[in-house]
N, C-alpha and C. Protein backbone atom coordinates (compact mmCIF):
# COMPACT_ATOMS: atom_id res chain seq x y z
N UNK A 1 29.63 -4.86 -33.12
CA UNK A 1 28.27 -5.26 -33.45
C UNK A 1 27.38 -4.88 -32.26
N UNK A 2 26.38 -4.10 -32.52
CA UNK A 2 25.51 -3.67 -31.43
C UNK A 2 24.45 -4.74 -31.12
N UNK A 3 23.77 -4.51 -30.03
CA UNK A 3 22.81 -5.52 -29.55
C UNK A 3 21.62 -5.68 -30.50
N UNK A 4 21.21 -4.59 -31.12
CA UNK A 4 20.06 -4.69 -32.02
C UNK A 4 20.38 -5.57 -33.23
N UNK A 5 21.58 -5.46 -33.73
CA UNK A 5 21.98 -6.29 -34.86
C UNK A 5 22.05 -7.75 -34.45
N UNK A 6 22.61 -8.00 -33.27
CA UNK A 6 22.68 -9.39 -32.80
C UNK A 6 21.28 -9.96 -32.56
N UNK A 7 20.39 -9.13 -32.03
CA UNK A 7 19.02 -9.60 -31.81
C UNK A 7 18.34 -9.92 -33.13
N UNK A 8 18.52 -9.07 -34.11
CA UNK A 8 17.93 -9.31 -35.44
C UNK A 8 18.49 -10.58 -36.07
N UNK A 9 19.80 -10.80 -35.93
CA UNK A 9 20.41 -12.02 -36.47
C UNK A 9 19.87 -13.26 -35.77
N UNK A 10 19.71 -13.17 -34.44
CA UNK A 10 19.19 -14.31 -33.69
C UNK A 10 17.76 -14.61 -34.09
N UNK A 11 16.95 -13.58 -34.25
CA UNK A 11 15.55 -13.79 -34.65
C UNK A 11 15.46 -14.33 -36.07
N UNK A 12 16.33 -13.87 -36.94
CA UNK A 12 16.35 -14.37 -38.32
C UNK A 12 16.72 -15.85 -38.35
N UNK A 13 17.72 -16.22 -37.52
CA UNK A 13 18.12 -17.63 -37.50
C UNK A 13 17.01 -18.51 -36.92
N UNK A 14 16.27 -17.98 -35.96
CA UNK A 14 15.13 -18.75 -35.43
C UNK A 14 14.04 -18.89 -36.47
N UNK A 15 13.84 -17.85 -37.28
CA UNK A 15 12.82 -17.90 -38.33
C UNK A 15 13.18 -18.87 -39.44
N UNK A 16 14.48 -19.05 -39.68
CA UNK A 16 14.93 -19.95 -40.74
C UNK A 16 14.87 -21.42 -40.33
N UNK A 17 14.77 -21.69 -39.03
CA UNK A 17 14.76 -23.09 -38.56
C UNK A 17 13.49 -23.78 -39.03
N UNK A 18 13.64 -25.04 -39.32
CA UNK A 18 12.48 -25.85 -39.69
C UNK A 18 11.70 -26.17 -38.41
N UNK A 19 10.39 -26.01 -38.50
CA UNK A 19 9.59 -26.31 -37.32
C UNK A 19 9.57 -27.81 -37.07
N UNK A 20 9.85 -28.16 -35.89
CA UNK A 20 9.89 -29.57 -35.52
C UNK A 20 8.56 -29.95 -34.89
N UNK A 21 8.32 -31.22 -34.83
CA UNK A 21 7.11 -31.73 -34.23
C UNK A 21 7.20 -31.55 -32.72
N UNK A 22 6.13 -31.08 -32.15
CA UNK A 22 6.09 -30.88 -30.70
C UNK A 22 6.12 -32.25 -30.03
N UNK A 23 6.97 -32.44 -29.03
CA UNK A 23 7.04 -33.75 -28.37
C UNK A 23 5.70 -34.14 -27.74
N UNK A 24 5.52 -35.43 -27.62
CA UNK A 24 4.29 -35.97 -27.03
C UNK A 24 4.17 -35.52 -25.58
N UNK A 25 3.02 -35.05 -25.20
CA UNK A 25 2.78 -34.64 -23.82
C UNK A 25 3.31 -33.26 -23.48
N UNK A 26 3.73 -32.51 -24.48
CA UNK A 26 4.29 -31.18 -24.22
C UNK A 26 3.22 -30.25 -23.65
N UNK A 27 2.06 -30.22 -24.28
CA UNK A 27 1.00 -29.32 -23.81
C UNK A 27 0.50 -29.73 -22.42
N UNK A 28 0.47 -31.03 -22.15
CA UNK A 28 0.05 -31.48 -20.82
C UNK A 28 1.02 -30.96 -19.75
N UNK A 29 2.31 -31.01 -20.05
CA UNK A 29 3.28 -30.52 -19.08
C UNK A 29 3.21 -29.01 -18.94
N UNK A 30 2.88 -28.30 -20.04
CA UNK A 30 2.73 -26.85 -19.95
C UNK A 30 1.56 -26.49 -19.04
N UNK A 31 0.42 -27.16 -19.23
CA UNK A 31 -0.75 -26.87 -18.40
C UNK A 31 -0.52 -27.32 -16.96
N UNK A 32 0.21 -28.39 -16.78
CA UNK A 32 0.54 -28.84 -15.43
C UNK A 32 1.39 -27.80 -14.72
N UNK A 33 2.37 -27.27 -15.41
CA UNK A 33 3.24 -26.23 -14.82
C UNK A 33 2.44 -24.96 -14.54
N UNK A 34 1.54 -24.60 -15.43
CA UNK A 34 0.70 -23.42 -15.21
C UNK A 34 -0.17 -23.61 -13.98
N UNK A 35 -0.70 -24.81 -13.79
CA UNK A 35 -1.49 -25.11 -12.60
C UNK A 35 -0.66 -25.03 -11.33
N UNK A 36 0.58 -25.53 -11.39
CA UNK A 36 1.46 -25.44 -10.23
C UNK A 36 1.77 -23.99 -9.88
N UNK A 37 1.99 -23.17 -10.89
CA UNK A 37 2.27 -21.76 -10.65
C UNK A 37 1.06 -21.04 -10.06
N UNK A 38 -0.13 -21.36 -10.55
CA UNK A 38 -1.35 -20.75 -10.01
C UNK A 38 -1.58 -21.20 -8.57
N UNK A 39 -1.33 -22.46 -8.28
CA UNK A 39 -1.50 -22.96 -6.92
C UNK A 39 -0.51 -22.30 -5.97
N UNK A 40 0.72 -22.10 -6.43
CA UNK A 40 1.72 -21.41 -5.59
C UNK A 40 1.31 -19.96 -5.33
N UNK A 41 0.76 -19.31 -6.34
CA UNK A 41 0.30 -17.92 -6.16
C UNK A 41 -0.85 -17.87 -5.17
N UNK A 42 -1.77 -18.82 -5.26
CA UNK A 42 -2.89 -18.87 -4.31
C UNK A 42 -2.41 -19.14 -2.89
N UNK A 43 -1.42 -20.01 -2.74
CA UNK A 43 -0.87 -20.30 -1.42
C UNK A 43 -0.20 -19.06 -0.83
N UNK A 44 0.54 -18.31 -1.65
CA UNK A 44 1.17 -17.08 -1.17
C UNK A 44 0.11 -16.06 -0.76
N UNK A 45 -0.95 -15.96 -1.54
CA UNK A 45 -2.03 -15.01 -1.23
C UNK A 45 -2.72 -15.38 0.08
N UNK A 46 -2.98 -16.68 0.29
CA UNK A 46 -3.60 -17.11 1.54
C UNK A 46 -2.68 -16.86 2.72
N UNK A 47 -1.39 -17.12 2.56
CA UNK A 47 -0.43 -16.89 3.63
C UNK A 47 -0.34 -15.41 3.98
N UNK A 48 -0.34 -14.54 2.98
CA UNK A 48 -0.29 -13.10 3.24
C UNK A 48 -1.56 -12.64 3.95
N UNK A 49 -2.72 -13.14 3.54
CA UNK A 49 -3.97 -12.78 4.19
C UNK A 49 -3.99 -13.25 5.63
N UNK A 50 -3.52 -14.47 5.88
CA UNK A 50 -3.44 -14.98 7.24
C UNK A 50 -2.51 -14.13 8.09
N UNK A 51 -1.37 -13.72 7.53
CA UNK A 51 -0.42 -12.91 8.28
C UNK A 51 -1.02 -11.56 8.64
N UNK A 52 -1.76 -10.94 7.72
CA UNK A 52 -2.40 -9.65 8.01
C UNK A 52 -3.46 -9.80 9.09
N UNK A 53 -4.29 -10.83 9.00
CA UNK A 53 -5.33 -11.05 10.00
C UNK A 53 -4.71 -11.37 11.35
N UNK A 54 -3.65 -12.17 11.37
CA UNK A 54 -2.98 -12.51 12.61
C UNK A 54 -2.37 -11.27 13.26
N UNK A 55 -1.69 -10.44 12.46
CA UNK A 55 -1.06 -9.23 12.99
C UNK A 55 -2.12 -8.26 13.53
N UNK A 56 -3.23 -8.12 12.82
CA UNK A 56 -4.29 -7.23 13.30
C UNK A 56 -4.90 -7.75 14.60
N UNK A 57 -5.12 -9.05 14.67
CA UNK A 57 -5.68 -9.63 15.89
C UNK A 57 -4.73 -9.52 17.07
N UNK A 58 -3.46 -9.81 16.83
CA UNK A 58 -2.48 -9.71 17.92
C UNK A 58 -2.30 -8.25 18.35
N UNK A 59 -2.26 -7.34 17.39
CA UNK A 59 -2.12 -5.93 17.74
C UNK A 59 -3.31 -5.42 18.54
N UNK A 60 -4.49 -5.81 18.12
CA UNK A 60 -5.68 -5.43 18.86
C UNK A 60 -5.73 -6.04 20.24
N UNK A 61 -5.32 -7.29 20.34
CA UNK A 61 -5.33 -7.96 21.65
C UNK A 61 -4.30 -7.40 22.60
N UNK A 62 -3.10 -7.15 22.08
CA UNK A 62 -2.04 -6.60 22.94
C UNK A 62 -2.36 -5.17 23.33
N UNK A 63 -2.96 -4.43 22.42
CA UNK A 63 -3.28 -3.03 22.72
C UNK A 63 -4.39 -2.86 23.73
N UNK A 64 -5.26 -3.84 23.88
CA UNK A 64 -6.40 -3.69 24.79
C UNK A 64 -6.28 -4.51 26.06
N UNK A 65 -5.29 -5.37 26.17
CA UNK A 65 -5.24 -6.25 27.33
C UNK A 65 -4.86 -5.51 28.61
N UNK A 66 -4.08 -4.45 28.53
CA UNK A 66 -3.65 -3.72 29.70
C UNK A 66 -4.51 -2.48 29.98
N UNK A 67 -5.55 -2.28 29.22
CA UNK A 67 -6.41 -1.12 29.43
C UNK A 67 -7.28 -1.34 30.66
N UNK A 68 -7.26 -0.41 31.62
CA UNK A 68 -8.10 -0.59 32.81
C UNK A 68 -9.58 -0.41 32.46
N UNK A 69 -10.39 -1.17 33.12
CA UNK A 69 -11.83 -1.08 32.88
C UNK A 69 -12.40 0.04 33.73
N UNK A 70 -13.24 0.85 33.16
CA UNK A 70 -13.86 1.96 33.87
C UNK A 70 -15.37 1.80 33.80
N UNK A 71 -15.99 1.80 34.96
CA UNK A 71 -17.45 1.73 35.00
C UNK A 71 -17.95 3.14 35.27
N UNK A 72 -18.62 3.71 34.32
CA UNK A 72 -19.15 5.05 34.47
C UNK A 72 -20.66 4.99 34.32
N UNK A 73 -21.33 5.67 35.19
CA UNK A 73 -22.80 5.68 35.05
C UNK A 73 -23.18 6.46 33.80
N UNK A 74 -24.14 5.94 33.11
CA UNK A 74 -24.61 6.62 31.91
C UNK A 74 -25.66 7.64 32.30
N UNK A 75 -25.57 8.76 31.69
CA UNK A 75 -26.59 9.78 31.95
C UNK A 75 -27.06 10.31 30.61
N UNK A 76 -28.34 10.46 30.53
CA UNK A 76 -28.95 11.01 29.33
C UNK A 76 -29.36 12.44 29.65
N UNK A 77 -28.81 13.38 28.94
CA UNK A 77 -29.07 14.78 29.23
C UNK A 77 -30.56 15.11 29.10
N UNK A 78 -31.26 14.43 28.24
CA UNK A 78 -32.66 14.72 28.03
C UNK A 78 -33.50 14.36 29.25
N UNK A 79 -33.12 13.28 29.93
CA UNK A 79 -33.90 12.81 31.06
C UNK A 79 -33.16 12.96 32.38
N UNK A 80 -32.21 13.87 32.47
CA UNK A 80 -31.39 14.01 33.68
C UNK A 80 -32.29 14.39 34.85
N UNK A 81 -32.22 13.61 35.93
CA UNK A 81 -32.95 13.90 37.16
C UNK A 81 -34.38 13.40 37.15
N UNK A 82 -34.88 12.94 36.05
CA UNK A 82 -36.27 12.48 36.00
C UNK A 82 -36.35 11.02 36.37
N UNK A 83 -37.34 10.69 37.19
CA UNK A 83 -37.57 9.29 37.56
C UNK A 83 -38.54 8.70 36.54
N UNK A 84 -38.04 7.78 35.73
CA UNK A 84 -38.84 7.23 34.65
C UNK A 84 -39.28 5.80 34.94
N UNK A 85 -39.43 5.47 36.19
CA UNK A 85 -39.89 4.12 36.51
C UNK A 85 -41.35 3.97 36.11
N UNK A 86 -41.81 2.77 35.86
CA UNK A 86 -43.21 2.59 35.46
C UNK A 86 -44.20 3.08 36.50
N UNK A 87 -43.87 2.92 37.79
CA UNK A 87 -44.80 3.36 38.83
C UNK A 87 -45.00 4.87 38.81
N UNK A 88 -43.94 5.61 38.61
CA UNK A 88 -44.05 7.07 38.57
C UNK A 88 -44.77 7.49 37.31
N UNK A 89 -44.48 6.87 36.21
CA UNK A 89 -45.11 7.25 34.97
C UNK A 89 -46.61 6.97 34.97
N UNK A 90 -47.03 5.93 35.69
CA UNK A 90 -48.45 5.58 35.76
C UNK A 90 -49.12 6.22 36.97
N UNK A 91 -48.37 6.99 37.73
CA UNK A 91 -48.88 7.66 38.92
C UNK A 91 -49.45 6.64 39.90
N UNK A 92 -48.71 5.58 40.13
CA UNK A 92 -49.12 4.53 41.06
C UNK A 92 -48.24 4.64 42.28
N UNK A 93 -48.83 4.56 43.45
CA UNK A 93 -48.05 4.57 44.69
C UNK A 93 -47.53 3.18 44.96
N UNK A 94 -46.25 3.07 45.31
CA UNK A 94 -45.71 1.73 45.61
C UNK A 94 -46.17 1.21 46.94
């Protein structure tokens, strides 16, 4: 007997059964279980998000903590060598 025949027989026997009255509080327990499953999914999602943020923060912190600081003077090629102090611009002698 192949599986399809057994499946058809099982479905036929389920179809022949008399429908029984649903027990009291059945739907309440179904919705309660659905809520528990949704809450568990939300908790897993929050935990995964926290883990990603934590790993990114730790990776960024560890990667930059040993970097030496370099102070370099900024130079603007457009104004290189020009004295742009207010006194010079206004032609005022100090």
